[in-house]
Amino acid sequence: ALAPKSNAVVIAIGEATADVRRGKVGTVPPWLRDAHYQGAAALGHGKGYLYPHDIPGGVAEQQYLPDALLGVEYYRPTSHGAEAAWGQIAERLRGARSGERLGLPEAPEQAAGPSAQEKSP
């Protein structure tokens, strides 16, 4: 047993399960609801869904949790070992979902600044 120990995931699952049992679940946002059946579009299901695979960085600035769970964070990683790195990644992803940049490298033409043609009047 050389790795630091953590039960952060066990605690997170327990807290989430307790919320479900208490009825603290809310409703699934309409853009995440199944839109593959006849009549779904009329209900607004799937409308406004952002496909993360089509977004630079692969993270959509979109709400995934029901309103009743906004701001709830079940998984709180420790600062021990590899979990500390996972915690930093989780924080970056939370920020990206709320509109912060992921810190992706700029495209070479953007990093170099304006070209000579763009500088001249």
PDB file of N, CA and C in Angstrom:
ATOM      1  N   ALA A   1       0.846  -1.181   0.000  1.00  0.00           N
ATOM      2  CA  ALA A   1       0.000   0.000   0.000  1.00  0.00           C
ATOM      3  C   ALA A   1       0.885   1.234   0.000  1.00  0.00           C
ATOM      4  N   LEU A   2       1.312   1.634  -1.181  1.00  0.00           N
ATOM      5  CA  LEU A   2       2.191   2.795  -1.297  1.00  0.00           C
ATOM      6  C   LEU A   2       1.459   4.055  -1.739  1.00  0.00           C
ATOM      7  N   ALA A   3       0.213   3.926  -2.161  1.00  0.00           N
ATOM      8  CA  ALA A   3      -0.526   5.080  -2.658  1.00  0.00           C
ATOM      9  C   ALA A   3      -1.320   5.739  -1.533  1.00  0.00           C
ATOM     10  N   PRO A   4      -1.411   7.072  -1.564  1.00  0.00           N
ATOM     11  CA  PRO A   4      -2.255   7.760  -0.584  1.00  0.00           C
ATOM     12  C   PRO A   4      -3.702   7.297  -0.735  1.00  0.00           C
ATOM     13  N   LYS A   5      -4.405   7.222   0.362  1.00  0.00           N
ATOM     14  CA  LYS A   5      -5.772   6.707   0.345  1.00  0.00           C
ATOM     15  C   LYS A   5      -6.782   7.849   0.353  1.00  0.00           C
ATOM     16  N   SER A   6      -7.914   7.592  -0.284  1.00  0.00           N
ATOM     17  CA  SER A   6      -8.998   8.561  -0.323  1.00  0.00           C
ATOM     18  C   SER A   6     -10.318   7.821  -0.417  1.00  0.00           C
ATOM     19  N   ASN A   7     -11.304   8.339   0.252  1.00  0.00           N
ATOM     20  CA  ASN A   7     -12.654   7.802   0.107  1.00  0.00           C
ATOM     21  C   ASN A   7     -13.585   8.872  -0.468  1.00  0.00           C
ATOM     22  N   ALA A   8     -13.019   9.843  -1.190  1.00  0.00           N
ATOM     23  CA  ALA A   8     -13.800  10.943  -1.751  1.00  0.00           C
ATOM     24  C   ALA A   8     -14.908  10.439  -2.675  1.00  0.00           C
ATOM     25  N   VAL A   9     -14.630   9.411  -3.453  1.00  0.00           N
ATOM     26  CA  VAL A   9     -15.644   8.873  -4.365  1.00  0.00           C
ATOM     27  C   VAL A   9     -16.747   8.177  -3.579  1.00  0.00           C
ATOM     28  N   VAL A  10     -16.372   7.425  -2.566  1.00  0.00           N
ATOM     29  CA  VAL A  10     -17.367   6.735  -1.731  1.00  0.00           C
ATOM     30  C   VAL A  10     -18.286   7.756  -1.067  1.00  0.00           C
ATOM     31  N   ILE A  11     -17.713   8.834  -0.565  1.00  0.00           N
ATOM     32  CA  ILE A  11     -18.508   9.892   0.061  1.00  0.00           C
ATOM     33  C   ILE A  11     -19.433  10.531  -0.968  1.00  0.00           C
ATOM     34  N   ALA A  12     -18.914  10.815  -2.165  1.00  0.00           N
ATOM     35  CA  ALA A  12     -19.719  11.431  -3.221  1.00  0.00           C
ATOM     36  C   ALA A  12     -20.907  10.555  -3.592  1.00  0.00           C
ATOM     37  N   ILE A  13     -20.674   9.274  -3.772  1.00  0.00           N
ATOM     38  CA  ILE A  13     -21.764   8.356  -4.115  1.00  0.00           C
ATOM     39  C   ILE A  13     -22.793   8.317  -2.990  1.00  0.00           C
ATOM     40  N   GLY A  14     -22.331   8.285  -1.760  1.00  0.00           N
ATOM     41  CA  GLY A  14     -23.244   8.273  -0.617  1.00  0.00           C
ATOM     42  C   GLY A  14     -24.102   9.525  -0.553  1.00  0.00           C
ATOM     43  N   GLU A  15     -23.495  10.690  -0.784  1.00  0.00           N
ATOM     44  CA  GLU A  15     -24.242  11.946  -0.755  1.00  0.00           C
ATOM     45  C   GLU A  15     -25.249  12.021  -1.901  1.00  0.00           C
ATOM     46  N   ALA A  16     -24.839  11.595  -3.090  1.00  0.00           N
ATOM     47  CA  ALA A  16     -25.750  11.612  -4.234  1.00  0.00           C
ATOM     48  C   ALA A  16     -26.918  10.657  -4.011  1.00  0.00           C
ATOM     49  N   THR A  17     -26.635   9.479  -3.498  1.00  0.00           N
ATOM     50  CA  THR A  17     -27.684   8.498  -3.213  1.00  0.00           C
ATOM     51  C   THR A  17     -28.653   9.039  -2.167  1.00  0.00           C
ATOM     52  N   ALA A  18     -28.130   9.689  -1.148  1.00  0.00           N
ATOM     53  CA  ALA A  18     -28.983  10.273  -0.107  1.00  0.00           C
ATOM     54  C   ALA A  18     -29.897  11.346  -0.694  1.00  0.00           C
ATOM     55  N   ASP A  19     -29.372  12.173  -1.602  1.00  0.00           N
ATOM     56  CA  ASP A  19     -30.206  13.190  -2.244  1.00  0.00           C
ATOM     57  C   ASP A  19     -31.325  12.551  -3.060  1.00  0.00           C
ATOM     58  N   VAL A  20     -31.009  11.488  -3.787  1.00  0.00           N
ATOM     59  CA  VAL A  20     -32.039  10.788  -4.564  1.00  0.00           C
ATOM     60  C   VAL A  20     -33.119  10.243  -3.632  1.00  0.00           C
ATOM     61  N   ARG A  21     -32.719   9.642  -2.549  1.00  0.00           N
ATOM     62  CA  ARG A  21     -33.692   9.077  -1.598  1.00  0.00           C
ATOM     63  C   ARG A  21     -34.556  10.161  -0.963  1.00  0.00           C
ATOM     64  N   ARG A  22     -34.000  11.362  -0.785  1.00  0.00           N
ATOM     65  CA  ARG A  22     -34.766  12.481  -0.216  1.00  0.00           C
ATOM     66  C   ARG A  22     -35.627  13.170  -1.273  1.00  0.00           C
ATOM     67  N   GLY A  23     -35.482  12.757  -2.521  1.00  0.00           N
ATOM     68  CA  GLY A  23     -36.252  13.372  -3.599  1.00  0.00           C
ATOM     69  C   GLY A  23     -35.628  14.626  -4.169  1.00  0.00           C
ATOM     70  N   LYS A  24     -34.402  14.916  -3.795  1.00  0.00           N
ATOM     71  CA  LYS A  24     -33.698  16.093  -4.319  1.00  0.00           C
ATOM     72  C   LYS A  24     -33.050  15.702  -5.643  1.00  0.00           C
ATOM     73  N   VAL A  25     -33.875  15.710  -6.682  1.00  0.00           N
ATOM     74  CA  VAL A  25     -33.371  15.286  -7.983  1.00  0.00           C
ATOM     75  C   VAL A  25     -33.652  16.309  -9.076  1.00  0.00           C
ATOM     76  N   GLY A  26     -34.777  16.975  -9.054  1.00  0.00           N
ATOM     77  CA  GLY A  26     -35.117  17.933 -10.090  1.00  0.00           C
ATOM     78  C   GLY A  26     -35.449  17.246 -11.396  1.00  0.00           C
ATOM     79  N   THR A  27     -35.625  18.051 -12.421  1.00  0.00           N
ATOM     80  CA  THR A  27     -35.949  17.514 -13.741  1.00  0.00           C
ATOM     81  C   THR A  27     -34.765  17.711 -14.679  1.00  0.00           C
ATOM     82  N   VAL A  28     -34.644  16.825 -15.617  1.00  0.00           N
ATOM     83  CA  VAL A  28     -33.566  16.890 -16.606  1.00  0.00           C
ATOM     84  C   VAL A  28     -33.811  18.110 -17.497  1.00  0.00           C
ATOM     85  N   PRO A  29     -32.783  18.935 -17.738  1.00  0.00           N
ATOM     86  CA  PRO A  29     -32.958  20.079 -18.630  1.00  0.00           C
ATOM     87  C   PRO A  29     -33.469  19.621 -20.006  1.00  0.00           C
ATOM     88  N   PRO A  30     -34.363  20.397 -20.636  1.00  0.00           N
ATOM     89  CA  PRO A  30     -34.985  19.976 -21.901  1.00  0.00           C
ATOM     90  C   PRO A  30     -33.990  19.618 -23.001  1.00  0.00           C
ATOM     91  N   TRP A  31     -32.856  20.329 -23.078  1.00  0.00           N
ATOM     92  CA  TRP A  31     -31.888  20.062 -24.147  1.00  0.00           C
ATOM     93  C   TRP A  31     -31.191  18.720 -23.974  1.00  0.00           C
ATOM     94  N   LEU A  32     -31.283  18.130 -22.778  1.00  0.00           N
ATOM     95  CA  LEU A  32     -30.673  16.816 -22.550  1.00  0.00           C
ATOM     96  C   LEU A  32     -31.682  15.676 -22.655  1.00  0.00           C
ATOM     97  N   ARG A  33     -32.946  16.007 -22.825  1.00  0.00           N
ATOM     98  CA  ARG A  33     -33.978  14.970 -22.886  1.00  0.00           C
ATOM     99  C   ARG A  33     -33.968  14.290 -24.245  1.00  0.00           C
ATOM    100  N   ASP A  34     -34.412  13.048 -24.267  1.00  0.00           N
ATOM    101  CA  ASP A  34     -34.447  12.242 -25.488  1.00  0.00           C
ATOM    102  C   ASP A  34     -35.241  12.956 -26.575  1.00  0.00           C
ATOM    103  N   ALA A  35     -34.620  13.141 -27.721  1.00  0.00           N
ATOM    104  CA  ALA A  35     -35.258  13.826 -28.841  1.00  0.00           C
ATOM    105  C   ALA A  35     -35.428  12.900 -30.038  1.00  0.00           C
ATOM    106  N   HIS A  36     -35.366  11.591 -29.820  1.00  0.00           N
ATOM    107  CA  HIS A  36     -35.377  10.641 -30.927  1.00  0.00           C
ATOM    108  C   HIS A  36     -36.741  10.030 -31.203  1.00  0.00           C
ATOM    109  N   TYR A  37     -37.770  10.523 -30.587  1.00  0.00           N
ATOM    110  CA  TYR A  37     -39.091   9.941 -30.825  1.00  0.00           C
ATOM    111  C   TYR A  37     -40.026  11.007 -31.396  1.00  0.00           C
ATOM    112  N   GLN A  38     -41.058  10.543 -32.066  1.00  0.00           N
ATOM    113  CA  GLN A  38     -42.016  11.453 -32.681  1.00  0.00           C
ATOM    114  C   GLN A  38     -42.691  12.293 -31.594  1.00  0.00           C
ATOM    115  N   GLY A  39     -42.723  13.574 -31.793  1.00  0.00           N
ATOM    116  CA  GLY A  39     -43.340  14.473 -30.832  1.00  0.00           C
ATOM    117  C   GLY A  39     -42.357  15.112 -29.861  1.00  0.00           C
ATOM    118  N   ALA A  40     -41.126  14.630 -29.826  1.00  0.00           N
ATOM    119  CA  ALA A  40     -40.136  15.175 -28.890  1.00  0.00           C
ATOM    120  C   ALA A  40     -39.811  16.632 -29.211  1.00  0.00           C
ATOM    121  N   ALA A  41     -39.703  16.954 -30.490  1.00  0.00           N
ATOM    122  CA  ALA A  41     -39.371  18.321 -30.890  1.00  0.00           C
ATOM    123  C   ALA A  41     -40.454  19.295 -30.436  1.00  0.00           C
ATOM    124  N   ALA A  42     -41.705  18.874 -30.516  1.00  0.00           N
ATOM    125  CA  ALA A  42     -42.810  19.733 -30.086  1.00  0.00           C
ATOM    126  C   ALA A  42     -42.736  20.034 -28.591  1.00  0.00           C
ATOM    127  N   LEU A  43     -42.118  19.155 -27.843  1.00  0.00           N
ATOM    128  CA  LEU A  43     -41.950  19.351 -26.402  1.00  0.00           C
ATOM    129  C   LEU A  43     -40.677  20.131 -26.068  1.00  0.00           C
ATOM    130  N   GLY A  44     -39.864  20.421 -27.095  1.00  0.00           N
ATOM    131  CA  GLY A  44     -38.614  21.143 -26.882  1.00  0.00           C
ATOM    132  C   GLY A  44     -37.457  20.260 -26.472  1.00  0.00           C
ATOM    133  N   HIS A  45     -37.657  18.963 -26.549  1.00  0.00           N
ATOM    134  CA  HIS A  45     -36.589  18.042 -26.146  1.00  0.00           C
ATOM    135  C   HIS A  45     -35.437  18.110 -27.141  1.00  0.00           C
ATOM    136  N   GLY A  46     -34.245  18.233 -26.640  1.00  0.00           N
ATOM    137  CA  GLY A  46     -33.050  18.286 -27.474  1.00  0.00           C
ATOM    138  C   GLY A  46     -32.746  19.662 -28.037  1.00  0.00           C
ATOM    139  N   LYS A  47     -33.696  20.590 -27.979  1.00  0.00           N
ATOM    140  CA  LYS A  47     -33.490  21.918 -28.564  1.00  0.00           C
ATOM    141  C   LYS A  47     -32.442  22.685 -27.756  1.00  0.00           C
ATOM    142  N   GLY A  48     -31.413  23.167 -28.446  1.00  0.00           N
ATOM    143  CA  GLY A  48     -30.359  23.929 -27.799  1.00  0.00           C
ATOM    144  C   GLY A  48     -29.207  23.091 -27.271  1.00  0.00           C
ATOM    145  N   TYR A  49     -29.249  21.780 -27.524  1.00  0.00           N
ATOM    146  CA  TYR A  49     -28.154  20.919 -27.064  1.00  0.00           C
ATOM    147  C   TYR A  49     -26.868  21.279 -27.794  1.00  0.00           C
ATOM    148  N   LEU A  50     -25.797  21.416 -27.046  1.00  0.00           N
ATOM    149  CA  LEU A  50     -24.482  21.684 -27.620  1.00  0.00           C
ATOM    150  C   LEU A  50     -23.684  20.389 -27.615  1.00  0.00           C
ATOM    151  N   TYR A  51     -23.257  19.963 -28.783  1.00  0.00           N
ATOM    152  CA  TYR A  51     -22.520  18.711 -28.934  1.00  0.00           C
ATOM    153  C   TYR A  51     -21.049  18.964 -28.604  1.00  0.00           C
ATOM    154  N   PRO A  52     -20.558  18.479 -27.456  1.00  0.00           N
ATOM    155  CA  PRO A  52     -19.194  18.788 -27.022  1.00  0.00           C
ATOM    156  C   PRO A  52     -18.107  18.385 -28.015  1.00  0.00           C
ATOM    157  N   HIS A  53     -18.362  17.365 -28.829  1.00  0.00           N
ATOM    158  CA  HIS A  53     -17.356  16.910 -29.792  1.00  0.00           C
ATOM    159  C   HIS A  53     -17.096  17.959 -30.870  1.00  0.00           C
ATOM    160  N   ASP A  54     -18.032  18.877 -31.066  1.00  0.00           N
ATOM    161  CA  ASP A  54     -17.884  19.913 -32.082  1.00  0.00           C
ATOM    162  C   ASP A  54     -17.319  21.218 -31.521  1.00  0.00           C
ATOM    163  N   ILE A  55     -16.978  21.237 -30.263  1.00  0.00           N
ATOM    164  CA  ILE A  55     -16.530  22.460 -29.602  1.00  0.00           C
ATOM    165  C   ILE A  55     -15.031  22.342 -29.294  1.00  0.00           C
ATOM    166  N   PRO A  56     -14.237  23.371 -29.615  1.00  0.00           N
ATOM    167  CA  PRO A  56     -12.814  23.321 -29.275  1.00  0.00           C
ATOM    168  C   PRO A  56     -12.633  23.034 -27.780  1.00  0.00           C
ATOM    169  N   GLY A  57     -11.795  22.078 -27.474  1.00  0.00           N
ATOM    170  CA  GLY A  57     -11.588  21.687 -26.086  1.00  0.00           C
ATOM    171  C   GLY A  57     -12.515  20.581 -25.630  1.00  0.00           C
ATOM    172  N   GLY A  58     -13.598  20.338 -26.394  1.00  0.00           N
ATOM    173  CA  GLY A  58     -14.505  19.235 -26.096  1.00  0.00           C
ATOM    174  C   GLY A  58     -15.388  19.421 -24.876  1.00  0.00           C
ATOM    175  N   VAL A  59     -15.542  20.665 -24.408  1.00  0.00           N
ATOM    176  CA  VAL A  59     -16.391  20.925 -23.244  1.00  0.00           C
ATOM    177  C   VAL A  59     -17.383  22.019 -23.612  1.00  0.00           C
ATOM    178  N   ALA A  60     -18.664  21.707 -23.485  1.00  0.00           N
ATOM    179  CA  ALA A  60     -19.709  22.668 -23.824  1.00  0.00           C
ATOM    180  C   ALA A  60     -20.054  23.545 -22.629  1.00  0.00           C
ATOM    181  N   GLU A  61     -20.258  24.819 -22.907  1.00  0.00           N
ATOM    182  CA  GLU A  61     -20.743  25.745 -21.884  1.00  0.00           C
ATOM    183  C   GLU A  61     -22.252  25.530 -21.798  1.00  0.00           C
ATOM    184  N   GLN A  62     -22.640  24.550 -21.009  1.00  0.00           N
ATOM    185  CA  GLN A  62     -24.043  24.158 -20.944  1.00  0.00           C
ATOM    186  C   GLN A  62     -24.361  23.547 -19.586  1.00  0.00           C
ATOM    187  N   GLN A  63     -25.575  23.766 -19.129  1.00  0.00           N
ATOM    188  CA  GLN A  63     -26.025  23.198 -17.858  1.00  0.00           C
ATOM    189  C   GLN A  63     -26.412  21.741 -18.066  1.00  0.00           C
ATOM    190  N   TYR A  64     -25.864  20.875 -17.236  1.00  0.00           N
ATOM    191  CA  TYR A  64     -26.187  19.453 -17.304  1.00  0.00           C
ATOM    192  C   TYR A  64     -27.026  18.997 -16.114  1.00  0.00           C
ATOM    193  N   LEU A  65     -26.892  19.665 -14.999  1.00  0.00           N
ATOM    194  CA  LEU A  65     -27.642  19.276 -13.807  1.00  0.00           C
ATOM    195  C   LEU A  65     -29.021  19.920 -13.793  1.00  0.00           C
ATOM    196  N   PRO A  66     -29.975  19.273 -13.142  1.00  0.00           N
ATOM    197  CA  PRO A  66     -31.270  19.925 -12.919  1.00  0.00           C
ATOM    198  C   PRO A  66     -31.071  21.182 -12.070  1.00  0.00           C
ATOM    199  N   ASP A  67     -31.982  22.146 -12.201  1.00  0.00           N
ATOM    200  CA  ASP A  67     -31.871  23.383 -11.424  1.00  0.00           C
ATOM    201  C   ASP A  67     -31.726  23.108  -9.931  1.00  0.00           C
ATOM    202  N   ALA A  68     -32.427  22.090  -9.439  1.00  0.00           N
ATOM    203  CA  ALA A  68     -32.401  21.762  -8.007  1.00  0.00           C
ATOM    204  C   ALA A  68     -31.008  21.363  -7.523  1.00  0.00           C
ATOM    205  N   LEU A  69     -30.127  20.997  -8.447  1.00  0.00           N
ATOM    206  CA  LEU A  69     -28.789  20.533  -8.057  1.00  0.00           C
ATOM    207  C   LEU A  69     -27.673  21.487  -8.481  1.00  0.00           C
ATOM    208  N   LEU A  70     -28.038  22.648  -9.023  1.00  0.00           N
ATOM    209  CA  LEU A  70     -27.005  23.597  -9.431  1.00  0.00           C
ATOM    210  C   LEU A  70     -26.164  23.997  -8.223  1.00  0.00           C
ATOM    211  N   GLY A  71     -24.872  23.978  -8.406  1.00  0.00           N
ATOM    212  CA  GLY A  71     -23.954  24.337  -7.339  1.00  0.00           C
ATOM    213  C   GLY A  71     -23.583  23.189  -6.412  1.00  0.00           C
ATOM    214  N   VAL A  72     -24.275  22.063  -6.538  1.00  0.00           N
ATOM    215  CA  VAL A  72     -23.958  20.906  -5.695  1.00  0.00           C
ATOM    216  C   VAL A  72     -22.740  20.206  -6.286  1.00  0.00           C
ATOM    217  N   GLU A  73     -21.763  19.938  -5.467  1.00  0.00           N
ATOM    218  CA  GLU A  73     -20.575  19.202  -5.901  1.00  0.00           C
ATOM    219  C   GLU A  73     -20.423  18.002  -4.987  1.00  0.00           C
ATOM    220  N   TYR A  74     -20.694  16.850  -5.524  1.00  0.00           N
ATOM    221  CA  TYR A  74     -20.597  15.637  -4.720  1.00  0.00           C
ATOM    222  C   TYR A  74     -19.143  15.186  -4.570  1.00  0.00           C
ATOM    223  N   TYR A  75     -18.417  15.219  -5.668  1.00  0.00           N
ATOM    224  CA  TYR A  75     -17.028  14.748  -5.626  1.00  0.00           C
ATOM    225  C   TYR A  75     -16.115  15.898  -5.233  1.00  0.00           C
ATOM    226  N   ARG A  76     -15.482  15.758  -4.108  1.00  0.00           N
ATOM    227  CA  ARG A  76     -14.520  16.733  -3.621  1.00  0.00           C
ATOM    228  C   ARG A  76     -13.191  16.012  -3.427  1.00  0.00           C
ATOM    229  N   PRO A  77     -12.337  16.077  -4.455  1.00  0.00           N
ATOM    230  CA  PRO A  77     -11.073  15.341  -4.393  1.00  0.00           C
ATOM    231  C   PRO A  77     -10.167  15.862  -3.284  1.00  0.00           C
ATOM    232  N   THR A  78      -9.365  14.961  -2.775  1.00  0.00           N
ATOM    233  CA  THR A  78      -8.382  15.337  -1.756  1.00  0.00           C
ATOM    234  C   THR A  78      -7.168  15.958  -2.445  1.00  0.00           C
ATOM    235  N   SER A  79      -6.227  16.400  -1.667  1.00  0.00           N
ATOM    236  CA  SER A  79      -4.978  16.941  -2.222  1.00  0.00           C
ATOM    237  C   SER A  79      -3.868  15.902  -2.156  1.00  0.00           C
ATOM    238  N   HIS A  80      -4.248  14.627  -2.053  1.00  0.00           N
ATOM    239  CA  HIS A  80      -3.277  13.538  -1.932  1.00  0.00           C
ATOM    240  C   HIS A  80      -2.999  12.887  -3.286  1.00  0.00           C
ATOM    241  N   GLY A  81      -1.750  12.690  -3.586  1.00  0.00           N
ATOM    242  CA  GLY A  81      -1.336  11.907  -4.748  1.00  0.00           C
ATOM    243  C   GLY A  81      -1.985  12.335  -6.051  1.00  0.00           C
ATOM    244  N   ALA A  82      -2.308  11.339  -6.871  1.00  0.00           N
ATOM    245  CA  ALA A  82      -2.882  11.596  -8.194  1.00  0.00           C
ATOM    246  C   ALA A  82      -4.242  12.268  -8.103  1.00  0.00           C
ATOM    247  N   GLU A  83      -4.940  12.073  -6.996  1.00  0.00           N
ATOM    248  CA  GLU A  83      -6.264  12.687  -6.866  1.00  0.00           C
ATOM    249  C   GLU A  83      -6.170  14.215  -6.883  1.00  0.00           C
ATOM    250  N   ALA A  84      -5.068  14.767  -6.447  1.00  0.00           N
ATOM    251  CA  ALA A  84      -4.875  16.217  -6.499  1.00  0.00           C
ATOM    252  C   ALA A  84      -4.910  16.697  -7.946  1.00  0.00           C
ATOM    253  N   ALA A  85      -4.269  15.948  -8.842  1.00  0.00           N
ATOM    254  CA  ALA A  85      -4.283  16.308 -10.264  1.00  0.00           C
ATOM    255  C   ALA A  85      -5.689  16.183 -10.834  1.00  0.00           C
ATOM    256  N   TRP A  86      -6.404  15.119 -10.438  1.00  0.00           N
ATOM    257  CA  TRP A  86      -7.789  14.958 -10.906  1.00  0.00           C
ATOM    258  C   TRP A  86      -8.646  16.114 -10.414  1.00  0.00           C
ATOM    259  N   GLY A  87      -8.378  16.594  -9.232  1.00  0.00           N
ATOM    260  CA  GLY A  87      -9.118  17.733  -8.690  1.00  0.00           C
ATOM    261  C   GLY A  87      -8.904  18.987  -9.512  1.00  0.00           C
ATOM    262  N   GLN A  88      -7.666  19.197  -9.955  1.00  0.00           N
ATOM    263  CA  GLN A  88      -7.373  20.358 -10.802  1.00  0.00           C
ATOM    264  C   GLN A  88      -8.087  20.243 -12.142  1.00  0.00           C
ATOM    265  N   ILE A  89      -8.111  19.045 -12.697  1.00  0.00           N
ATOM    266  CA  ILE A  89      -8.813  18.825 -13.964  1.00  0.00           C
ATOM    267  C   ILE A  89     -10.307  19.070 -13.783  1.00  0.00           C
ATOM    268  N   ALA A  90     -10.872  18.550 -12.706  1.00  0.00           N
ATOM    269  CA  ALA A  90     -12.302  18.747 -12.439  1.00  0.00           C
ATOM    270  C   ALA A  90     -12.623  20.233 -12.315  1.00  0.00           C
ATOM    271  N   GLU A  91     -11.761  20.982 -11.665  1.00  0.00           N
ATOM    272  CA  GLU A  91     -11.981  22.419 -11.498  1.00  0.00           C
ATOM    273  C   GLU A  91     -11.939  23.135 -12.842  1.00  0.00           C
ATOM    274  N   ARG A  92     -10.992  22.766 -13.694  1.00  0.00           N
ATOM    275  CA  ARG A  92     -10.907  23.369 -15.033  1.00  0.00           C
ATOM    276  C   ARG A  92     -12.156  23.067 -15.844  1.00  0.00           C
ATOM    277  N   LEU A  93     -12.656  21.839 -15.743  1.00  0.00           N
ATOM    278  CA  LEU A  93     -13.861  21.470 -16.485  1.00  0.00           C
ATOM    279  C   LEU A  93     -15.080  22.228 -15.968  1.00  0.00           C
ATOM    280  N   ARG A  94     -15.185  22.395 -14.665  1.00  0.00           N
ATOM    281  CA  ARG A  94     -16.295  23.183 -14.107  1.00  0.00           C
ATOM    282  C   ARG A  94     -16.229  24.609 -14.636  1.00  0.00           C
ATOM    283  N   GLY A  95     -15.033  25.166 -14.663  1.00  0.00           N
ATOM    284  CA  GLY A  95     -14.870  26.514 -15.182  1.00  0.00           C
ATOM    285  C   GLY A  95     -15.228  26.606 -16.653  1.00  0.00           C
ATOM    286  N   ALA A  96     -14.826  25.617 -17.432  1.00  0.00           N
ATOM    287  CA  ALA A  96     -15.124  25.616 -18.868  1.00  0.00           C
ATOM    288  C   ALA A  96     -16.624  25.539 -19.107  1.00  0.00           C
ATOM    289  N   ARG A  97     -17.322  24.767 -18.284  1.00  0.00           N
ATOM    290  CA  ARG A  97     -18.774  24.662 -18.444  1.00  0.00           C
ATOM    291  C   ARG A  97     -19.471  25.973 -18.103  1.00  0.00           C
ATOM    292  N   SER A  98     -18.813  26.817 -17.337  1.00  0.00           N
ATOM    293  CA  SER A  98     -19.414  28.101 -16.987  1.00  0.00           C
ATOM    294  C   SER A  98     -18.852  29.235 -17.844  1.00  0.00           C
ATOM    295  N   GLY A  99     -18.124  28.884 -18.894  1.00  0.00           N
ATOM    296  CA  GLY A  99     -17.671  29.875 -19.862  1.00  0.00           C
ATOM    297  C   GLY A  99     -16.212  30.259 -19.792  1.00  0.00           C
ATOM    298  N   GLU A 100     -15.464  29.757 -18.835  1.00  0.00           N
ATOM    299  CA  GLU A 100     -14.038  30.071 -18.768  1.00  0.00           C
ATOM    300  C   GLU A 100     -13.288  29.265 -19.820  1.00  0.00           C
ATOM    301  N   ARG A 101     -12.201  29.842 -20.318  1.00  0.00           N
ATOM    302  CA  ARG A 101     -11.386  29.117 -21.294  1.00  0.00           C
ATOM    303  C   ARG A 101     -10.653  27.980 -20.617  1.00  0.00           C
ATOM    304  N   LEU A 102     -10.447  26.916 -21.374  1.00  0.00           N
ATOM    305  CA  LEU A 102      -9.733  25.754 -20.845  1.00  0.00           C
ATOM    306  C   LEU A 102      -8.226  25.950 -20.809  1.00  0.00           C
ATOM    307  N   GLY A 103      -7.742  27.028 -21.379  1.00  0.00           N
ATOM    308  CA  GLY A 103      -6.303  27.238 -21.410  1.00  0.00           C
ATOM    309  C   GLY A 103      -5.660  26.462 -22.545  1.00  0.00           C
ATOM    310  N   LEU A 104      -6.411  26.296 -23.638  1.00  0.00           N
ATOM    311  CA  LEU A 104      -5.878  25.594 -24.800  1.00  0.00           C
ATOM    312  C   LEU A 104      -4.883  26.496 -25.510  1.00  0.00           C
ATOM    313  N   PRO A 105      -3.859  25.922 -26.116  1.00  0.00           N
ATOM    314  CA  PRO A 105      -2.898  26.752 -26.843  1.00  0.00           C
ATOM    315  C   PRO A 105      -3.578  27.436 -28.020  1.00  0.00           C
ATOM    316  N   GLU A 106      -3.150  28.652 -28.302  1.00  0.00           N
ATOM    317  CA  GLU A 106      -3.709  29.371 -29.439  1.00  0.00           C
ATOM    318  C   GLU A 106      -3.205  28.757 -30.734  1.00  0.00           C
ATOM    319  N   ALA A 107      -3.961  28.982 -31.795  1.00  0.00           N
ATOM    320  CA  ALA A 107      -3.513  28.560 -33.117  1.00  0.00           C
ATOM    321  C   ALA A 107      -2.255  29.359 -33.452  1.00  0.00           C
ATOM    322  N   PRO A 108      -1.302  28.791 -34.207  1.00  0.00           N
ATOM    323  CA  PRO A 108      -0.036  29.483 -34.492  1.00  0.00           C
ATOM    324  C   PRO A 108      -0.223  30.886 -35.054  1.00  0.00           C
ATOM    325  N   GLU A 109      -1.208  31.084 -35.936  1.00  0.00           N
ATOM    326  CA  GLU A 109      -1.395  32.412 -36.528  1.00  0.00           C
ATOM    327  C   GLU A 109      -1.884  33.424 -35.489  1.00  0.00           C
ATOM    328  N   GLN A 110      -2.604  32.977 -34.465  1.00  0.00           N
ATOM    329  CA  GLN A 110      -3.059  33.880 -33.408  1.00  0.00           C
ATOM    330  C   GLN A 110      -1.913  34.195 -32.449  1.00  0.00           C
ATOM    331  N   ALA A 111      -1.100  33.215 -32.153  1.00  0.00           N
ATOM    332  CA  ALA A 111      -0.004  33.395 -31.200  1.00  0.00           C
ATOM    333  C   ALA A 111       1.055  34.347 -31.747  1.00  0.00           C
ATOM    334  N   ALA A 112       1.234  34.373 -33.065  1.00  0.00           N
ATOM    335  CA  ALA A 112       2.260  35.199 -33.685  1.00  0.00           C
ATOM    336  C   ALA A 112       1.858  36.668 -33.741  1.00  0.00           C
ATOM    337  N   GLY A 113       0.594  36.983 -33.534  1.00  0.00           N
ATOM    338  CA  GLY A 113       0.133  38.361 -33.614  1.00  0.00           C
ATOM    339  C   GLY A 113      -0.258  38.708 -35.033  1.00  0.00           C
ATOM    340  N   PRO A 114      -0.598  39.976 -35.281  1.00  0.00           N
ATOM    341  CA  PRO A 114      -1.046  40.372 -36.617  1.00  0.00           C
ATOM    342  C   PRO A 114       0.077  40.271 -37.642  1.00  0.00           C
ATOM    343  N   SER A 115      -0.289  39.926 -38.843  1.00  0.00           N
ATOM    344  CA  SER A 115       0.701  39.818 -39.919  1.00  0.00           C
ATOM    345  C   SER A 115       1.114  41.214 -40.369  1.00  0.00           C
ATOM    346  N   ALA A 116       2.148  41.284 -41.196  1.00  0.00           N
ATOM    347  CA  ALA A 116       2.630  42.566 -41.713  1.00  0.00           C
ATOM    348  C   ALA A 116       1.531  43.265 -42.500  1.00  0.00           C
ATOM    349  N   GLN A 117       0.731  42.507 -43.254  1.00  0.00           N
ATOM    350  CA  GLN A 117      -0.362  43.092 -44.032  1.00  0.00           C
ATOM    351  C   GLN A 117      -1.412  43.711 -43.113  1.00  0.00           C
ATOM    352  N   GLU A 118      -1.687  43.063 -41.995  1.00  0.00           N
ATOM    353  CA  GLU A 118      -2.698  43.571 -41.071  1.00  0.00           C
ATOM    354  C   GLU A 118      -2.220  44.829 -40.351  1.00  0.00           C
ATOM    355  N   LYS A 119      -0.890  44.983 -40.192  1.00  0.00           N
ATOM    356  CA  LYS A 119      -0.342  46.136 -39.480  1.00  0.00           C
ATOM    357  C   LYS A 119      -0.363  47.391 -40.336  1.00  0.00           C
ATOM    358  N   SER A 120      -0.205  47.242 -41.657  1.00  0.00           N
ATOM    359  CA  SER A 120      -0.116  48.421 -42.512  1.00  0.00           C
ATOM    360  C   SER A 120      -1.501  49.010 -42.748  1.00  0.00           C
ATOM    361  N   PRO A 121      -1.577  50.371 -42.807  1.00  0.00           N
ATOM    362  CA  PRO A 121      -2.876  51.030 -42.998  1.00  0.00           C
ATOM    363  C   PRO A 121      -3.417  50.913 -44.381  1.00  0.00           C
TER     364      PRO A 121
END
